[in-house]
Amino acid sequence: MFKSLLKAYKEKNLVQIQILLRLLSYDATQLLMKAIEKAGSTDPQAITKALAETTDFDGVTGTFSMGADHTPVKSAVVIEFQNGQEVSAQEYSAE
């Protein structure tokens, strides 16, 4: 049942999913470029250190920092719709 729901969701929302993935890819590329710039080198260890020290990176998908485990930490917004109309929006912090 889950597979059929997932397939239907993807078919209905394919364009939005593709746009989101492109935006996330853009943010990842910009983050990497800034880390290389900060590291002043293309040395992998220097870039890793610069990435780990990232705080308040302002990307197109939101602002985030890198966590202690080297994963991005950012908030998420949950929007509730009823009958096609937005009725509420709440931001949840990842911290």
C-alpha atoms as a PDB file:
ATOM      1  CA  MET A   1       0.000   0.000   0.000  1.00  0.00           C
ATOM      2  CA  PHE A   2       2.800   2.428   0.872  1.00  0.00           C
ATOM      3  CA  LYS A   3       4.433   1.910  -2.526  1.00  0.00           C
ATOM      4  CA  SER A   4       1.217   2.774  -4.338  1.00  0.00           C
ATOM      5  CA  LEU A   5       0.752   5.901  -2.195  1.00  0.00           C
ATOM      6  CA  LEU A   6       4.346   6.947  -2.820  1.00  0.00           C
ATOM      7  CA  LYS A   7       3.949   6.388  -6.557  1.00  0.00           C
ATOM      8  CA  ALA A   8       0.760   8.474  -6.652  1.00  0.00           C
ATOM      9  CA  TYR A   9       2.412  11.238  -4.629  1.00  0.00           C
ATOM     10  CA  LYS A  10       5.435  11.320  -6.933  1.00  0.00           C
ATOM     11  CA  GLU A  11       3.249  11.423 -10.040  1.00  0.00           C
ATOM     12  CA  LYS A  12       1.171  14.290  -8.666  1.00  0.00           C
ATOM     13  CA  ASN A  13       4.104  16.267  -7.250  1.00  0.00           C
ATOM     14  CA  LEU A  14       6.966  15.399  -9.608  1.00  0.00           C
ATOM     15  CA  VAL A  15       7.645  18.990 -10.672  1.00  0.00           C
ATOM     16  CA  GLN A  16       7.735  20.250  -7.063  1.00  0.00           C
ATOM     17  CA  ILE A  17      10.049  17.388  -6.049  1.00  0.00           C
ATOM     18  CA  GLN A  18      12.394  18.172  -8.943  1.00  0.00           C
ATOM     19  CA  ILE A  19      12.460  21.866  -8.044  1.00  0.00           C
ATOM     20  CA  LEU A  20      13.190  21.093  -4.377  1.00  0.00           C
ATOM     21  CA  LEU A  21      16.014  18.738  -5.296  1.00  0.00           C
ATOM     22  CA  ARG A  22      17.524  21.382  -7.572  1.00  0.00           C
ATOM     23  CA  LEU A  23      17.346  23.992  -4.813  1.00  0.00           C
ATOM     24  CA  LEU A  24      18.958  21.641  -2.295  1.00  0.00           C
ATOM     25  CA  SER A  25      21.670  20.814  -4.831  1.00  0.00           C
ATOM     26  CA  TYR A  26      22.282  24.525  -5.387  1.00  0.00           C
ATOM     27  CA  ASP A  27      22.660  25.060  -1.627  1.00  0.00           C
ATOM     28  CA  ALA A  28      25.057  22.114  -1.347  1.00  0.00           C
ATOM     29  CA  THR A  29      27.183  23.470  -4.198  1.00  0.00           C
ATOM     30  CA  GLN A  30      27.267  26.970  -2.697  1.00  0.00           C
ATOM     31  CA  LEU A  31      28.168  25.536   0.710  1.00  0.00           C
ATOM     32  CA  LEU A  32      31.036  23.565  -0.814  1.00  0.00           C
ATOM     33  CA  MET A  33      32.304  26.601  -2.734  1.00  0.00           C
ATOM     34  CA  LYS A  34      32.272  28.730   0.422  1.00  0.00           C
ATOM     35  CA  ALA A  35      34.125  25.990   2.321  1.00  0.00           C
ATOM     36  CA  ILE A  36      36.799  25.798  -0.384  1.00  0.00           C
ATOM     37  CA  GLU A  37      37.121  29.583  -0.277  1.00  0.00           C
ATOM     38  CA  LYS A  38      37.373  29.571   3.527  1.00  0.00           C
ATOM     39  CA  ALA A  39      39.883  26.706   3.474  1.00  0.00           C
ATOM     40  CA  GLY A  40      41.976  28.589   0.937  1.00  0.00           C
ATOM     41  CA  SER A  41      42.742  25.269  -0.709  1.00  0.00           C
ATOM     42  CA  THR A  42      41.223  22.207  -2.338  1.00  0.00           C
ATOM     43  CA  ASP A  43      42.784  19.925   0.261  1.00  0.00           C
ATOM     44  CA  PRO A  44      39.992  17.546   1.406  1.00  0.00           C
ATOM     45  CA  GLN A  45      40.934  17.814   5.095  1.00  0.00           C
ATOM     46  CA  ALA A  46      40.943  21.620   4.977  1.00  0.00           C
ATOM     47  CA  ILE A  47      37.563  21.631   3.231  1.00  0.00           C
ATOM     48  CA  THR A  48      36.137  19.161   5.767  1.00  0.00           C
ATOM     49  CA  LYS A  49      37.305  21.425   8.596  1.00  0.00           C
ATOM     50  CA  ALA A  50      35.766  24.490   6.915  1.00  0.00           C
ATOM     51  CA  LEU A  51      32.489  22.637   6.369  1.00  0.00           C
ATOM     52  CA  ALA A  52      32.409  21.501  10.010  1.00  0.00           C
ATOM     53  CA  GLU A  53      32.843  25.111  11.141  1.00  0.00           C
ATOM     54  CA  THR A  54      29.928  26.377   9.043  1.00  0.00           C
ATOM     55  CA  THR A  55      27.380  28.409  10.980  1.00  0.00           C
ATOM     56  CA  ASP A  56      24.381  30.367   9.735  1.00  0.00           C
ATOM     57  CA  PHE A  57      24.825  29.471   6.065  1.00  0.00           C
ATOM     58  CA  ASP A  58      22.129  31.404   4.218  1.00  0.00           C
ATOM     59  CA  GLY A  59      20.938  29.157   1.395  1.00  0.00           C
ATOM     60  CA  VAL A  60      17.925  29.384  -0.875  1.00  0.00           C
ATOM     61  CA  THR A  61      16.230  26.604   1.128  1.00  0.00           C
ATOM     62  CA  GLY A  62      16.889  28.280   4.471  1.00  0.00           C
ATOM     63  CA  THR A  63      19.597  29.093   6.948  1.00  0.00           C
ATOM     64  CA  PHE A  64      21.520  26.263   8.536  1.00  0.00           C
ATOM     65  CA  SER A  65      24.647  25.334  10.439  1.00  0.00           C
ATOM     66  CA  MET A  66      26.615  22.121  10.483  1.00  0.00           C
ATOM     67  CA  GLY A  67      26.045  19.817  13.441  1.00  0.00           C
ATOM     68  CA  ALA A  68      28.695  18.010  15.452  1.00  0.00           C
ATOM     69  CA  ASP A  69      28.087  14.916  13.312  1.00  0.00           C
ATOM     70  CA  HIS A  70      28.672  16.940  10.100  1.00  0.00           C
ATOM     71  CA  THR A  71      25.021  17.031   9.072  1.00  0.00           C
ATOM     72  CA  PRO A  72      23.135  20.250   8.329  1.00  0.00           C
ATOM     73  CA  VAL A  73      20.950  21.514  11.154  1.00  0.00           C
ATOM     74  CA  LYS A  74      18.031  23.648  10.010  1.00  0.00           C
ATOM     75  CA  SER A  75      14.473  24.320  10.912  1.00  0.00           C
ATOM     76  CA  ALA A  76      11.465  23.126   8.950  1.00  0.00           C
ATOM     77  CA  VAL A  77       8.119  24.770   8.311  1.00  0.00           C
ATOM     78  CA  VAL A  78       4.958  22.683   8.442  1.00  0.00           C
ATOM     79  CA  ILE A  79       1.983  24.236   6.669  1.00  0.00           C
ATOM     80  CA  GLU A  80      -1.520  22.929   7.281  1.00  0.00           C
ATOM     81  CA  PHE A  81      -4.060  23.129   4.466  1.00  0.00           C
ATOM     82  CA  GLN A  82      -7.782  22.540   4.718  1.00  0.00           C
ATOM     83  CA  ASN A  83      -9.917  22.512   1.600  1.00  0.00           C
ATOM     84  CA  GLY A  84      -6.997  23.864  -0.397  1.00  0.00           C
ATOM     85  CA  GLN A  85      -6.485  26.875   1.880  1.00  0.00           C
ATOM     86  CA  GLU A  86      -3.573  27.459   4.227  1.00  0.00           C
ATOM     87  CA  VAL A  87      -4.858  27.542   7.791  1.00  0.00           C
ATOM     88  CA  SER A  88      -1.634  27.543   9.777  1.00  0.00           C
ATOM     89  CA  ALA A  89       2.129  27.470   9.522  1.00  0.00           C
ATOM     90  CA  GLN A  90       4.585  26.513  12.246  1.00  0.00           C
ATOM     91  CA  GLU A  91       8.372  26.553  12.178  1.00  0.00           C
ATOM     92  CA  TYR A  92      10.137  23.786  14.064  1.00  0.00           C
ATOM     93  CA  SER A  93      13.759  24.113  15.094  1.00  0.00           C
ATOM     94  CA  ALA A  94      16.072  21.164  14.601  1.00  0.00           C
ATOM     95  CA  GLU A  95      17.928  21.963  17.809  1.00  0.00           C
END
